Amino acid sequence: MRAKELKANILEDKERLYTILRNAGFHDFKENNEEIRCALPDMTNSTGVMIKLNETLYTSLFELGYTGDLFGALAVVLKTDFRDVISYIDTLLGISNQGKPRFKDPLQALKSLSRGHGSSTSLSSNKLYDASFMNRFVAGPHHKLIEEGILPQVANEFDIRFDPFRDRIVFPHYDWIHTDKIVGVQGRTLQSPEEMEILGTAKYWNYIKHFRKSSNLYGFSNLHDRLDKMKMLIIFEGEKSVLKEYTFSNGQGMSVALGGHSISTQQAEFILAHTPADCEVVLAFDRDVMVKETEGEKYIQAEAKKLIPFKKVSYIYDTYNLLGEKDSPIDKGYKVWKYLLKWRKEFSEIKS
């Protein structure tokens, strides 16, 4: 019964399904009215996974020989059991065992984190790797990254490298607590969209299996020494937006990236526990999130509520269509970014 209710909850809003899949490492999504096709984590076949958009969420992992439902598929990919998969989804979507929004006491989470305890979910921690993991890649930023306006010294600060064998720019994700340890490494292809389509190349490649972006914040490791003085934390979707913000601020950035546009319960708890009380949180999601019929401004406000009332929260909204269809708020250059940031919308509404 629990599984059936949870599937119904997920199907109420397909973005919930995408949030689950992205955080588990699935990528290269294609959808029609009946199903979603995508690639397995660390694999490139964009039709290697099939998920039926029906009440069973029937799922096939063709390259792993699995057929069954979504929860069983996640158990295979995450190498865990059914109970942990359910806990993982509950934590990721912030829902209770009854499938309704979870109204938890954030103070309890703060106290738990201050004592050094993490989430109760067994899937909450990422495996730690030594920084020498990056030695397999070519040191120094690729010229295409510099051509996008990112300063070489900023790219070096974030240890950006290049993989000549897969033709990818490599972004290491350092742990938000153990800031000298790596938990994830993501490679972004340099191929054009046309080349990707012809060759079947995945946009992203995960070099570390089972890395969970929902259990980390990209760039937080670069902030930890300056947190006490920070009056603002900007939350972007992607790594490059963080690099651009650091470039515009001459290396004194104040941003992190989610790797998506949904703040997990663990990320919300971490932000509350590890930023100053007077630090404003600014949500800077991509343009397509602002205008999607299934998301839009109400969705962004719902994400803001995850930090209310313990934080002042605001969000960037492109009222005058200054951005391209899929642009990050920082993609159109310094002047547009500063304008959007200046005229951000404050969200302080507290409702039960």
Protein backbone atom coordinates (compact mmCIF):
# COMPACT_ATOMS: atom_id res chain seq x y z
CA MET A 1 0.00 0.00 0.00
CA ARG A 2 2.82 2.41 0.89
CA ALA A 3 4.49 1.89 -2.48
CA LYS A 4 1.22 2.43 -4.35
CA GLU A 5 0.53 5.70 -2.51
CA LEU A 6 4.06 6.93 -3.14
CA LYS A 7 3.80 6.17 -6.87
CA ALA A 8 0.55 8.13 -7.02
CA ASN A 9 2.25 11.04 -5.26
CA ILE A 10 5.12 11.00 -7.76
CA LEU A 11 2.77 10.89 -10.74
CA GLU A 12 0.85 13.95 -9.50
CA ASP A 13 3.81 16.02 -10.71
CA LYS A 14 6.28 14.46 -13.17
CA GLU A 15 9.00 16.83 -11.97
CA ARG A 16 9.10 14.74 -8.78
CA LEU A 17 10.00 11.74 -10.91
CA TYR A 18 12.73 13.69 -12.69
CA THR A 19 14.10 14.90 -9.33
CA ILE A 20 14.39 11.30 -8.13
CA LEU A 21 16.05 10.14 -11.34
CA ARG A 22 18.51 13.03 -11.60
CA ASN A 23 19.67 12.68 -8.01
CA ALA A 24 20.26 8.97 -8.56
CA GLY A 25 22.46 9.80 -11.58
CA PHE A 26 20.13 9.06 -14.52
CA HIS A 27 20.54 11.49 -17.43
CA ASP A 28 19.73 12.32 -21.07
CA PHE A 29 15.95 12.24 -20.70
CA LYS A 30 13.49 11.87 -23.57
CA GLU A 31 9.74 11.75 -22.97
CA ASN A 32 6.56 11.02 -24.85
CA ASN A 33 3.02 10.63 -23.58
CA GLU A 34 3.57 7.04 -22.47
CA GLU A 35 7.12 6.75 -21.18
CA ILE A 36 10.46 8.30 -20.29
CA ARG A 37 13.69 7.06 -21.84
CA CYS A 38 17.09 7.94 -20.36
CA ALA A 39 20.60 6.68 -19.65
CA LEU A 40 21.85 4.83 -16.61
CA PRO A 41 24.38 6.53 -14.32
CA ASP A 42 27.87 6.25 -15.85
CA MET A 43 26.43 4.91 -19.13
CA THR A 44 25.76 6.68 -22.40
CA ASN A 45 22.84 4.84 -24.01
CA SER A 46 19.99 7.36 -23.82
CA THR A 47 17.44 4.58 -24.42
CA GLY A 48 18.94 2.16 -21.89
CA VAL A 49 16.20 2.89 -19.36
CA MET A 50 12.45 2.84 -19.94
CA ILE A 51 9.93 4.10 -17.35
CA LYS A 52 6.24 3.77 -18.14
CA LEU A 53 4.16 6.78 -17.05
CA ASN A 54 1.39 4.72 -15.54
CA GLU A 55 0.28 3.81 -12.03
CA THR A 56 2.83 0.97 -11.79
CA LEU A 57 5.83 3.06 -12.96
CA TYR A 58 6.98 -0.10 -14.76
CA THR A 59 10.73 0.21 -15.37
CA SER A 60 13.27 -1.65 -17.49
CA LEU A 61 17.04 -1.30 -17.15
CA PHE A 62 17.97 -3.00 -20.41
CA GLU A 63 21.74 -2.99 -19.88
CA LEU A 64 21.40 -4.49 -16.40
CA GLY A 65 18.73 -7.04 -17.26
CA TYR A 66 16.18 -5.64 -14.80
CA THR A 67 12.42 -5.36 -15.31
CA GLY A 68 10.00 -4.40 -12.55
CA ASP A 69 8.86 -1.15 -10.94
CA LEU A 70 10.75 2.11 -10.36
CA PHE A 71 11.57 1.34 -6.73
CA GLY A 72 13.16 -1.98 -7.61
CA ALA A 73 15.18 -0.30 -10.34
CA LEU A 74 16.46 2.30 -7.88
CA ALA A 75 17.41 -0.47 -5.46
CA VAL A 76 19.49 -2.08 -8.22
CA VAL A 77 21.20 1.15 -9.27
CA LEU A 78 21.82 2.42 -5.73
CA LYS A 79 22.73 -1.08 -4.50
CA THR A 80 20.41 -0.96 -1.53
CA ASP A 81 17.06 -2.38 -0.42
CA PHE A 82 13.42 -1.37 -0.84
CA ARG A 83 13.13 0.28 2.58
CA ASP A 84 16.13 2.52 1.96
CA VAL A 85 14.77 3.47 -1.46
CA ILE A 86 11.51 4.61 0.12
CA SER A 87 13.41 6.60 2.75
CA TYR A 88 15.57 8.12 0.02
CA ILE A 89 12.51 9.30 -1.92
CA ASP A 90 10.81 10.61 1.23
CA THR A 91 13.88 12.64 2.13
CA LEU A 92 14.40 13.90 -1.41
CA LEU A 93 10.81 15.04 -1.93
CA GLY A 94 10.11 16.06 1.67
CA ILE A 95 6.99 13.92 2.07
CA SER A 96 5.72 11.91 5.00
CA ASN A 97 4.69 8.27 5.13
CA GLN A 98 1.16 9.38 4.30
CA GLY A 99 2.32 11.05 1.08
CA LYS A 100 1.53 14.54 2.39
CA PRO A 101 3.96 17.42 2.92
CA ARG A 102 6.16 16.84 5.93
CA PHE A 103 5.94 19.56 8.57
CA LYS A 104 8.99 18.84 10.62
CA ASP A 105 10.59 20.92 13.33
CA PRO A 106 13.63 22.60 11.71
CA LEU A 107 15.03 23.35 15.15
CA GLN A 108 15.27 19.63 15.82
CA ALA A 109 17.26 19.24 12.61
CA LEU A 110 19.54 22.10 13.61
CA LYS A 111 20.20 20.56 17.00
CA SER A 112 20.93 17.21 15.41
CA LEU A 113 23.36 18.71 12.91
CA SER A 114 25.08 20.82 15.56
CA ARG A 115 25.84 17.61 17.48
CA GLY A 116 27.54 16.25 14.37
CA HIS A 117 24.74 13.90 13.34
CA GLY A 118 23.62 13.69 9.73
CA SER A 119 20.31 12.68 8.29
CA SER A 120 18.75 9.51 9.63
CA THR A 121 18.55 8.17 6.09
CA SER A 122 21.21 5.58 5.39
CA LEU A 123 21.55 6.95 1.85
CA SER A 124 22.48 10.44 3.05
CA SER A 125 26.28 10.20 2.97
CA ASN A 126 28.58 10.24 -0.03
CA LYS A 127 31.78 8.22 -0.13
CA LEU A 128 34.91 10.32 0.38
CA TYR A 129 37.86 10.23 -2.02
CA ASP A 130 41.30 11.78 -1.71
CA ALA A 131 41.96 14.87 -3.85
CA SER A 132 44.59 12.84 -5.74
CA PHE A 133 41.62 11.30 -7.63
CA MET A 134 41.91 14.34 -9.93
CA ASN A 135 45.47 13.47 -10.99
CA ARG A 136 44.07 11.26 -13.76
CA PHE A 137 42.92 14.38 -15.61
CA VAL A 138 44.84 17.17 -17.33
CA ALA A 139 45.47 20.04 -14.91
CA GLY A 140 44.23 23.51 -15.81
CA PRO A 141 41.00 24.79 -17.35
CA HIS A 142 40.08 24.11 -20.96
CA HIS A 143 40.13 27.12 -23.29
CA LYS A 144 36.38 26.84 -23.95
CA LEU A 145 35.70 27.49 -20.28
CA ILE A 146 37.84 30.63 -20.42
CA GLU A 147 36.03 31.72 -23.59
CA GLU A 148 32.79 31.66 -21.61
CA GLY A 149 34.20 34.42 -19.42
CA ILE A 150 35.43 32.40 -16.46
CA LEU A 151 38.76 33.58 -15.05
CA PRO A 152 41.58 31.00 -15.12
CA GLN A 153 42.35 31.64 -11.44
CA VAL A 154 38.73 30.90 -10.53
CA ALA A 155 38.79 27.67 -12.53
CA ASN A 156 42.02 26.72 -10.78
CA GLU A 157 40.53 27.51 -7.38
CA PHE A 158 37.75 25.01 -8.09
CA ASP A 159 40.26 22.48 -9.47
CA ILE A 160 38.59 22.33 -12.90
CA ARG A 161 40.39 19.95 -15.27
CA PHE A 162 40.08 18.30 -18.69
CA ASP A 163 39.61 14.71 -19.78
CA PRO A 164 41.11 14.38 -23.29
CA PHE A 165 39.94 10.78 -23.68
CA ARG A 166 36.25 11.59 -23.24
CA ASP A 167 36.59 15.21 -24.41
CA ARG A 168 35.01 16.58 -21.25
CA ILE A 169 35.55 19.49 -18.88
CA VAL A 170 35.77 17.94 -15.41
CA PHE A 171 34.17 19.50 -12.31
CA PRO A 172 35.13 17.96 -8.95
CA HIS A 173 32.59 18.21 -6.12
CA TYR A 174 34.31 18.56 -2.75
CA ASP A 175 32.46 17.48 0.38
CA TRP A 176 30.62 20.17 2.34
CA ILE A 177 32.05 18.97 5.69
CA HIS A 178 35.34 17.27 4.79
CA THR A 179 36.30 20.07 2.43
CA ASP A 180 39.57 18.49 1.27
CA LYS A 181 37.81 15.31 0.14
CA ILE A 182 36.05 14.65 -3.16
CA VAL A 183 32.58 13.07 -3.28
CA GLY A 184 31.71 13.48 -6.95
CA VAL A 185 33.34 14.24 -10.28
CA GLN A 186 31.20 15.32 -13.21
CA GLY A 187 32.41 15.63 -16.80
CA ARG A 188 30.57 17.86 -19.24
CA THR A 189 30.98 17.06 -22.94
CA LEU A 190 32.50 19.59 -25.33
CA GLN A 191 30.52 18.21 -28.27
CA SER A 192 27.87 20.33 -29.93
CA PRO A 193 24.19 19.36 -29.55
CA GLU A 194 24.27 18.09 -33.13
CA GLU A 195 27.33 15.92 -32.45
CA MET A 196 25.75 14.60 -29.25
CA GLU A 197 22.62 13.60 -31.16
CA ILE A 198 24.52 11.84 -33.94
CA LEU A 199 27.00 10.04 -31.67
CA GLY A 200 24.61 9.35 -28.79
CA THR A 201 26.87 11.17 -26.34
CA ALA A 202 25.61 11.94 -22.85
CA LYS A 203 25.90 15.60 -21.82
CA TYR A 204 27.27 14.60 -18.42
CA TRP A 205 29.48 11.73 -17.28
CA ASN A 206 29.73 10.74 -13.63
CA TYR A 207 33.23 9.50 -12.83
CA ILE A 208 32.24 8.46 -9.28
CA LYS A 209 29.31 6.05 -9.05
CA HIS A 210 26.40 6.71 -6.69
CA PHE A 211 27.33 10.33 -5.97
CA ARG A 212 24.21 12.02 -4.59
CA LYS A 213 24.06 15.73 -5.31
CA SER A 214 21.19 16.01 -2.82
CA SER A 215 23.71 15.23 -0.06
CA ASN A 216 26.13 18.02 -0.93
CA LEU A 217 26.36 21.59 -2.23
CA TYR A 218 28.81 22.34 -5.02
CA GLY A 219 31.15 25.15 -3.98
CA PHE A 220 30.38 25.11 -0.27
CA SER A 221 33.91 23.85 0.39
CA ASN A 222 35.20 27.14 -1.07
CA LEU A 223 33.01 29.20 1.27
CA HIS A 224 33.55 27.62 4.65
CA ASP A 225 36.41 29.93 5.69
CA ARG A 226 34.32 33.05 4.94
CA LEU A 227 30.91 31.98 6.20
CA ASP A 228 30.99 34.02 9.41
CA LYS A 229 31.17 37.23 7.36
CA MET A 230 28.68 36.26 4.67
CA LYS A 231 25.43 38.18 4.46
CA MET A 232 24.16 36.35 1.39
CA LEU A 233 24.21 32.81 -0.04
CA ILE A 234 23.19 32.47 -3.70
CA ILE A 235 21.90 29.08 -4.85
CA PHE A 236 22.33 28.27 -8.55
CA GLU A 237 21.53 25.08 -10.43
CA GLY A 238 24.87 24.38 -12.14
CA GLU A 239 28.60 24.52 -11.49
CA LYS A 240 29.41 27.03 -14.24
CA SER A 241 27.07 29.60 -12.70
CA VAL A 242 29.08 29.42 -9.49
CA LEU A 243 32.32 29.91 -11.44
CA LYS A 244 30.87 32.95 -13.22
CA GLU A 245 29.68 34.49 -9.94
CA TYR A 246 33.19 34.07 -8.49
CA THR A 247 34.60 35.67 -11.66
CA PHE A 248 32.29 38.68 -11.36
CA SER A 249 33.19 39.10 -7.67
CA ASN A 250 36.96 38.80 -8.21
CA GLY A 251 37.22 35.49 -6.40
CA GLN A 252 35.08 36.52 -3.41
CA GLY A 253 32.02 34.54 -4.43
CA MET A 254 29.04 33.72 -2.25
CA SER A 255 27.30 30.98 -4.22
CA VAL A 256 26.73 27.23 -4.39
CA ALA A 257 25.00 24.91 -6.86
CA LEU A 258 22.39 22.21 -6.29
CA GLY A 259 22.92 20.28 -9.52
CA GLY A 260 19.20 20.80 -10.17
CA HIS A 261 16.41 23.06 -8.97
CA SER A 262 15.05 21.18 -5.97
CA ILE A 263 16.42 21.74 -2.47
CA SER A 264 16.54 18.40 -0.67
CA THR A 265 15.64 18.08 3.00
CA GLN A 266 19.26 17.42 3.83
CA GLN A 267 20.46 20.48 1.91
CA ALA A 268 17.87 22.69 3.63
CA GLU A 269 18.91 21.40 7.05
CA PHE A 270 22.57 21.92 6.21
CA ILE A 271 22.04 25.51 5.06
CA LEU A 272 20.10 26.34 8.23
CA ALA A 273 22.78 24.84 10.42
CA HIS A 274 25.89 26.18 8.67
CA THR A 275 25.13 29.76 7.65
CA PRO A 276 24.90 32.85 9.89
CA ALA A 277 21.46 33.75 11.22
CA ASP A 278 21.43 37.02 9.23
CA CYS A 279 22.58 35.41 5.97
CA GLU A 280 20.01 35.94 3.19
CA VAL A 281 19.46 32.99 0.85
CA VAL A 282 18.83 33.88 -2.81
CA LEU A 283 17.38 31.28 -5.18
CA ALA A 284 18.76 31.81 -8.69
CA PHE A 285 17.20 29.05 -10.78
CA ASP A 286 17.41 28.91 -14.58
CA ARG A 287 14.96 30.77 -16.80
CA ASP A 288 13.11 27.62 -17.88
CA VAL A 289 12.13 26.90 -14.25
CA MET A 290 10.63 30.39 -14.00
CA VAL A 291 8.35 29.94 -17.00
CA LYS A 292 7.50 26.23 -17.14
CA GLU A 293 3.78 25.57 -16.83
CA THR A 294 4.45 22.77 -14.32
CA GLU A 295 6.84 24.91 -12.26
CA GLY A 296 6.98 28.69 -12.52
CA GLU A 297 7.00 31.25 -9.74
CA LYS A 298 4.82 29.20 -7.39
CA TYR A 299 7.30 26.34 -7.60
CA ILE A 300 10.19 28.67 -6.73
CA GLN A 301 8.21 30.03 -3.78
CA ALA A 302 7.58 26.47 -2.59
CA GLU A 303 11.33 25.88 -2.62
CA ALA A 304 11.84 29.11 -0.67
CA LYS A 305 9.41 27.88 2.00
CA LYS A 306 11.83 25.10 2.86
CA LEU A 307 14.01 27.71 4.60
CA ILE A 308 11.24 29.92 6.02
CA PRO A 309 10.94 31.25 8.76
CA PHE A 310 14.53 30.71 9.91
CA LYS A 311 16.10 32.52 6.95
CA LYS A 312 15.41 35.61 4.93
CA VAL A 313 14.81 34.13 1.48
CA SER A 314 14.52 35.85 -1.89
CA TYR A 315 14.51 34.67 -5.47
CA ILE A 316 15.47 35.98 -8.89
CA TYR A 317 12.67 36.30 -11.41
CA ASP A 318 13.19 37.42 -15.01
CA THR A 319 10.23 39.81 -15.26
CA TYR A 320 11.45 41.58 -18.40
CA ASN A 321 12.66 38.53 -20.37
CA LEU A 322 16.34 39.42 -20.26
CA LEU A 323 17.46 35.79 -20.35
CA GLY A 324 17.45 33.11 -23.02
CA GLU A 325 15.12 30.13 -22.76
CA LYS A 326 17.48 27.96 -20.71
CA ASP A 327 19.86 30.60 -19.33
CA SER A 328 21.03 30.81 -15.77
CA PRO A 329 20.44 34.31 -14.32
CA ILE A 330 24.18 34.94 -14.62
CA ASP A 331 24.62 33.82 -18.26
CA LYS A 332 23.98 37.20 -19.91
CA GLY A 333 26.91 38.97 -18.32
CA TYR A 334 27.74 41.18 -15.37
CA LYS A 335 25.23 44.02 -15.94
CA VAL A 336 22.20 41.75 -16.42
CA TRP A 337 23.23 39.63 -13.44
CA LYS A 338 23.60 42.66 -11.16
CA TYR A 339 20.24 44.01 -12.33
CA LEU A 340 18.45 40.73 -11.66
CA LEU A 341 20.13 40.37 -8.28
CA LYS A 342 19.27 43.94 -7.27
CA TRP A 343 15.60 43.49 -8.16
CA ARG A 344 15.20 40.02 -6.64
CA LYS A 345 11.89 39.27 -4.95
CA GLU A 346 11.83 38.79 -1.20
CA PHE A 347 9.74 35.89 0.03
CA SER A 348 8.79 36.06 3.69
CA GLU A 349 5.29 34.62 3.51
CA ILE A 350 4.64 32.15 6.34
CA LYS A 351 1.61 29.92 5.88
CA SER A 352 0.58 26.65 7.44
